[in-house]
Amino acid sequence: MFNITNYSDHPTRIGYTIFKFYEKQRAEYFEELLKKDNIWFESSVEKEKLIYFFGIRKGDLKKTMNANYLVSAKFRKKIIPNIYFRWGIITLAITIIILAIIGAIVKT
């Protein structure tokens, strides 16, 4: 089955979840957050494809998911990186909404 998340159930150990990262910086930051929250984990690196794996107990899954979200938030890229284009789209959207409201008021 197709999985778009970076975690899944461990294939051989029932009480564990596997998190995987494809970038060293993300993996290091994730490990740092796990250590900060005192979450026990196992880790390994697949050398051929450079995939960093972390095995986490399912009892710690809620705190681990929070760490996973923090990793995604720290390394995310902006959808529209150009600040002028971004503000142009926001201005256009607000203008359209204002015109729609004015049109609804004038029609009634």
N, C-alpha and C. Protein backbone atom coordinates (compact mmCIF):
# COMPACT_ATOMS: atom_id res chain seq x y z
N MET A 1 0.83 -1.18 0.00
CA MET A 1 0.00 0.00 0.00
C MET A 1 0.88 1.25 0.00
N PHE A 2 0.42 2.30 -0.60
CA PHE A 2 1.16 3.55 -0.73
C PHE A 2 1.07 4.33 0.58
N ASN A 3 2.22 4.75 1.11
CA ASN A 3 2.27 5.48 2.37
C ASN A 3 2.97 6.81 2.16
N ILE A 4 2.27 7.92 2.40
CA ILE A 4 2.88 9.24 2.19
C ILE A 4 3.48 9.81 3.47
N THR A 5 3.33 9.13 4.59
CA THR A 5 3.92 9.60 5.84
C THR A 5 5.32 9.01 6.00
N ASN A 6 6.05 9.50 6.95
CA ASN A 6 7.39 8.97 7.18
C ASN A 6 7.43 7.97 8.33
N TYR A 7 6.30 7.38 8.67
CA TYR A 7 6.27 6.38 9.72
C TYR A 7 5.30 5.25 9.35
N SER A 8 5.55 4.08 9.93
CA SER A 8 4.69 2.92 9.72
C SER A 8 4.93 1.93 10.84
N ASP A 9 4.06 0.95 10.96
CA ASP A 9 4.25 -0.09 11.97
C ASP A 9 5.50 -0.89 11.64
N HIS A 10 6.17 -1.33 12.70
CA HIS A 10 7.38 -2.13 12.52
C HIS A 10 6.98 -3.46 11.88
N PRO A 11 7.70 -3.92 10.87
CA PRO A 11 7.30 -5.14 10.18
C PRO A 11 7.44 -6.42 11.00
N THR A 12 8.34 -6.44 12.00
CA THR A 12 8.54 -7.67 12.77
C THR A 12 8.25 -7.54 14.26
N ARG A 13 8.30 -6.34 14.81
CA ARG A 13 8.04 -6.12 16.24
C ARG A 13 6.72 -5.39 16.39
N ILE A 14 5.74 -6.06 16.97
CA ILE A 14 4.36 -5.56 17.00
C ILE A 14 4.20 -4.25 17.77
N GLY A 15 4.88 -4.06 18.87
CA GLY A 15 4.68 -2.88 19.70
C GLY A 15 5.50 -1.67 19.31
N TYR A 16 6.02 -1.64 18.08
CA TYR A 16 6.90 -0.56 17.68
C TYR A 16 6.44 0.10 16.38
N THR A 17 6.82 1.36 16.25
CA THR A 17 6.58 2.13 15.03
C THR A 17 7.93 2.58 14.48
N ILE A 18 8.07 2.57 13.17
CA ILE A 18 9.31 2.98 12.51
C ILE A 18 9.12 4.36 11.89
N PHE A 19 10.05 5.26 12.18
CA PHE A 19 10.10 6.57 11.53
C PHE A 19 11.31 6.57 10.62
N LYS A 20 11.16 7.14 9.43
CA LYS A 20 12.31 7.17 8.52
C LYS A 20 12.50 8.58 7.96
N PHE A 21 13.77 8.93 7.78
CA PHE A 21 14.15 10.23 7.26
C PHE A 21 15.18 10.03 6.16
N TYR A 22 15.12 10.87 5.15
CA TYR A 22 16.02 10.75 4.00
C TYR A 22 17.11 11.81 4.02
N GLU A 23 17.08 12.71 4.99
CA GLU A 23 18.08 13.75 5.11
C GLU A 23 18.73 13.67 6.49
N LYS A 24 20.04 13.80 6.52
CA LYS A 24 20.79 13.66 7.77
C LYS A 24 20.39 14.73 8.78
N GLN A 25 20.19 15.98 8.33
CA GLN A 25 19.84 17.06 9.25
C GLN A 25 18.52 16.79 9.95
N ARG A 26 17.54 16.30 9.20
CA ARG A 26 16.24 15.98 9.79
C ARG A 26 16.38 14.86 10.81
N ALA A 27 17.14 13.85 10.46
CA ALA A 27 17.33 12.71 11.37
C ALA A 27 18.04 13.14 12.65
N GLU A 28 19.05 13.96 12.52
CA GLU A 28 19.78 14.43 13.70
C GLU A 28 18.88 15.29 14.60
N TYR A 29 18.06 16.14 14.00
CA TYR A 29 17.16 16.98 14.80
C TYR A 29 16.10 16.12 15.48
N PHE A 30 15.58 15.11 14.77
CA PHE A 30 14.60 14.19 15.35
C PHE A 30 15.21 13.45 16.54
N GLU A 31 16.43 12.98 16.38
CA GLU A 31 17.11 12.28 17.47
C GLU A 31 17.32 13.21 18.67
N GLU A 32 17.68 14.45 18.40
CA GLU A 32 17.86 15.44 19.47
C GLU A 32 16.56 15.66 20.24
N LEU A 33 15.44 15.75 19.53
CA LEU A 33 14.14 15.95 20.19
C LEU A 33 13.75 14.73 21.01
N LEU A 34 14.04 13.53 20.48
CA LEU A 34 13.72 12.31 21.23
C LEU A 34 14.52 12.25 22.53
N LYS A 35 15.79 12.58 22.46
CA LYS A 35 16.63 12.57 23.66
C LYS A 35 16.16 13.63 24.65
N LYS A 36 15.75 14.79 24.15
CA LYS A 36 15.27 15.87 25.02
C LYS A 36 14.02 15.45 25.78
N ASP A 37 13.12 14.69 25.11
CA ASP A 37 11.88 14.23 25.73
C ASP A 37 12.04 12.89 26.45
N ASN A 38 13.27 12.39 26.56
CA ASN A 38 13.55 11.10 27.21
C ASN A 38 12.73 9.95 26.61
N ILE A 39 12.67 9.91 25.30
CA ILE A 39 11.96 8.85 24.60
C ILE A 39 12.98 7.81 24.16
N TRP A 40 12.75 6.57 24.57
CA TRP A 40 13.65 5.48 24.20
C TRP A 40 13.45 5.16 22.72
N PHE A 41 14.55 4.90 22.02
CA PHE A 41 14.46 4.57 20.60
C PHE A 41 15.65 3.73 20.17
N GLU A 42 15.46 3.04 19.07
CA GLU A 42 16.55 2.35 18.38
C GLU A 42 16.72 3.05 17.05
N SER A 43 17.95 3.13 16.57
CA SER A 43 18.16 3.77 15.28
C SER A 43 19.13 2.97 14.44
N SER A 44 18.99 3.12 13.14
CA SER A 44 19.92 2.51 12.21
C SER A 44 19.90 3.30 10.91
N VAL A 45 20.95 3.10 10.13
CA VAL A 45 21.09 3.81 8.86
C VAL A 45 21.28 2.77 7.76
N GLU A 46 20.48 2.89 6.73
CA GLU A 46 20.68 2.04 5.55
C GLU A 46 21.67 2.77 4.65
N LYS A 47 22.86 2.25 4.57
CA LYS A 47 23.96 2.95 3.89
C LYS A 47 23.73 3.10 2.39
N GLU A 48 23.13 2.12 1.75
CA GLU A 48 22.97 2.15 0.29
C GLU A 48 22.09 3.31 -0.17
N LYS A 49 20.96 3.50 0.50
CA LYS A 49 20.01 4.54 0.08
C LYS A 49 20.03 5.75 1.00
N LEU A 50 20.86 5.73 2.03
CA LEU A 50 20.92 6.78 3.05
C LEU A 50 19.54 7.09 3.63
N ILE A 51 18.97 6.08 4.25
CA ILE A 51 17.70 6.23 4.97
C ILE A 51 18.00 6.03 6.44
N TYR A 52 17.52 6.97 7.26
CA TYR A 52 17.73 6.92 8.70
C TYR A 52 16.45 6.40 9.35
N PHE A 53 16.55 5.28 10.08
CA PHE A 53 15.39 4.65 10.71
C PHE A 53 15.44 4.84 12.22
N PHE A 54 14.26 5.06 12.81
CA PHE A 54 14.13 5.14 14.26
C PHE A 54 12.98 4.24 14.68
N GLY A 55 13.24 3.33 15.59
CA GLY A 55 12.20 2.46 16.14
C GLY A 55 11.73 3.01 17.47
N ILE A 56 10.44 3.25 17.59
CA ILE A 56 9.85 3.87 18.79
C ILE A 56 8.77 2.96 19.34
N ARG A 57 8.69 2.83 20.67
CA ARG A 57 7.60 2.07 21.27
C ARG A 57 6.28 2.80 21.06
N LYS A 58 5.22 2.04 20.82
CA LYS A 58 3.91 2.66 20.56
C LYS A 58 3.38 3.43 21.76
N GLY A 59 3.85 3.13 22.96
CA GLY A 59 3.45 3.88 24.15
C GLY A 59 3.94 5.33 24.11
N ASP A 60 5.02 5.56 23.39
CA ASP A 60 5.58 6.90 23.27
C ASP A 60 5.18 7.59 21.97
N LEU A 61 4.22 7.03 21.27
CA LEU A 61 3.88 7.51 19.94
C LEU A 61 3.37 8.95 19.93
N LYS A 62 2.58 9.33 20.94
CA LYS A 62 2.03 10.69 20.96
C LYS A 62 3.14 11.74 21.07
N LYS A 63 4.09 11.53 21.99
CA LYS A 63 5.20 12.48 22.13
C LYS A 63 6.11 12.44 20.90
N THR A 64 6.25 11.26 20.33
CA THR A 64 7.10 11.12 19.15
C THR A 64 6.49 11.81 17.94
N MET A 65 5.18 11.74 17.81
CA MET A 65 4.50 12.42 16.70
C MET A 65 4.70 13.93 16.82
N ASN A 66 4.68 14.44 18.04
CA ASN A 66 4.93 15.87 18.25
C ASN A 66 6.34 16.23 17.78
N ALA A 67 7.32 15.41 18.11
CA ALA A 67 8.69 15.64 17.65
C ALA A 67 8.77 15.57 16.13
N ASN A 68 8.05 14.63 15.54
CA ASN A 68 8.03 14.49 14.09
C ASN A 68 7.45 15.74 13.42
N TYR A 69 6.40 16.29 14.00
CA TYR A 69 5.80 17.53 13.47
C TYR A 69 6.78 18.70 13.60
N LEU A 70 7.51 18.75 14.71
CA LEU A 70 8.48 19.82 14.89
C LEU A 70 9.61 19.74 13.86
N VAL A 71 10.01 18.53 13.52
CA VAL A 71 11.03 18.36 12.47
C VAL A 71 10.49 18.87 11.14
N SER A 72 9.25 18.50 10.81
CA SER A 72 8.65 18.96 9.56
C SER A 72 8.52 20.47 9.54
N ALA A 73 8.14 21.05 10.67
CA ALA A 73 7.97 22.50 10.73
C ALA A 73 9.30 23.23 10.58
N LYS A 74 10.35 22.70 11.18
CA LYS A 74 11.65 23.38 11.12
C LYS A 74 12.22 23.38 9.71
N PHE A 75 12.01 22.31 8.97
CA PHE A 75 12.65 22.16 7.67
C PHE A 75 11.70 22.40 6.49
N ARG A 76 10.52 22.90 6.76
CA ARG A 76 9.57 23.11 5.66
C ARG A 76 9.99 24.30 4.81
N LYS A 77 9.56 24.25 3.57
CA LYS A 77 9.82 25.37 2.66
C LYS A 77 8.49 26.10 2.45
N LYS A 78 8.57 27.38 2.20
CA LYS A 78 7.35 28.16 1.96
C LYS A 78 6.76 27.78 0.62
N ILE A 79 5.43 27.77 0.55
CA ILE A 79 4.76 27.40 -0.69
C ILE A 79 5.08 28.42 -1.78
N ILE A 80 5.03 29.69 -1.43
CA ILE A 80 5.37 30.76 -2.37
C ILE A 80 6.58 31.49 -1.78
N PRO A 81 7.79 31.17 -2.24
CA PRO A 81 8.99 31.73 -1.61
C PRO A 81 9.20 33.23 -1.85
N ASN A 82 8.72 33.76 -2.97
CA ASN A 82 8.91 35.17 -3.28
C ASN A 82 7.92 36.01 -2.48
N ILE A 83 8.41 36.92 -1.64
CA ILE A 83 7.56 37.69 -0.74
C ILE A 83 6.59 38.61 -1.49
N TYR A 84 7.03 39.19 -2.61
CA TYR A 84 6.16 40.09 -3.36
C TYR A 84 5.02 39.33 -4.03
N PHE A 85 5.34 38.18 -4.59
CA PHE A 85 4.31 37.35 -5.22
C PHE A 85 3.32 36.84 -4.18
N ARG A 86 3.84 36.46 -3.01
CA ARG A 86 2.99 35.97 -1.92
C ARG A 86 2.00 37.05 -1.49
N TRP A 87 2.49 38.28 -1.25
CA TRP A 87 1.61 39.37 -0.83
C TRP A 87 0.67 39.79 -1.96
N GLY A 88 1.11 39.64 -3.20
CA GLY A 88 0.23 39.92 -4.34
C GLY A 88 -0.96 38.98 -4.37
N ILE A 89 -0.72 37.71 -4.12
CA ILE A 89 -1.81 36.73 -4.09
C ILE A 89 -2.75 37.00 -2.92
N ILE A 90 -2.19 37.33 -1.77
CA ILE A 90 -3.04 37.65 -0.61
C ILE A 90 -3.89 38.88 -0.90
N THR A 91 -3.30 39.90 -1.48
CA THR A 91 -4.04 41.12 -1.82
C THR A 91 -5.14 40.81 -2.84
N LEU A 92 -4.82 40.02 -3.84
CA LEU A 92 -5.81 39.64 -4.85
C LEU A 92 -6.98 38.88 -4.21
N ALA A 93 -6.69 37.96 -3.32
CA ALA A 93 -7.74 37.18 -2.66
C ALA A 93 -8.63 38.08 -1.81
N ILE A 94 -8.03 38.99 -1.06
CA ILE A 94 -8.81 39.91 -0.22
C ILE A 94 -9.68 40.82 -1.10
N THR A 95 -9.13 41.29 -2.22
CA THR A 95 -9.89 42.13 -3.14
C THR A 95 -11.09 41.39 -3.70
N ILE A 96 -10.90 40.16 -4.09
CA ILE A 96 -12.01 39.35 -4.63
C ILE A 96 -13.08 39.15 -3.57
N ILE A 97 -12.67 38.88 -2.33
CA ILE A 97 -13.65 38.69 -1.25
C ILE A 97 -14.42 39.98 -1.00
N ILE A 98 -13.73 41.12 -0.98
CA ILE A 98 -14.41 42.41 -0.75
C ILE A 98 -15.38 42.70 -1.89
N LEU A 99 -14.98 42.46 -3.13
CA LEU A 99 -15.88 42.69 -4.28
C LEU A 99 -17.10 41.76 -4.21
N ALA A 100 -16.88 40.53 -3.76
CA ALA A 100 -18.02 39.61 -3.64
C ALA A 100 -19.00 40.08 -2.57
N ILE A 101 -18.48 40.58 -1.46
CA ILE A 101 -19.35 41.09 -0.39
C ILE A 101 -20.10 42.33 -0.87
N ILE A 102 -19.39 43.24 -1.55
CA ILE A 102 -20.04 44.45 -2.08
C ILE A 102 -21.12 44.06 -3.10
N GLY A 103 -20.81 43.10 -3.95
CA GLY A 103 -21.81 42.64 -4.93
C GLY A 103 -23.04 42.04 -4.27
N ALA A 104 -22.84 41.28 -3.19
CA ALA A 104 -23.97 40.68 -2.48
C ALA A 104 -24.81 41.76 -1.80
N ILE A 105 -24.18 42.80 -1.26
CA ILE A 105 -24.91 43.87 -0.58
C ILE A 105 -25.68 44.71 -1.60
N VAL A 106 -25.07 45.05 -2.72
CA VAL A 106 -25.72 45.90 -3.73
C VAL A 106 -26.88 45.16 -4.37
N LYS A 107 -26.77 43.86 -4.55
CA LYS A 107 -27.82 43.06 -5.19
C LYS A 107 -29.08 43.03 -4.33
N THR A 108 -28.97 43.06 -3.03
CA THR A 108 -30.15 42.97 -2.15
C THR A 108 -30.77 44.28 -1.85
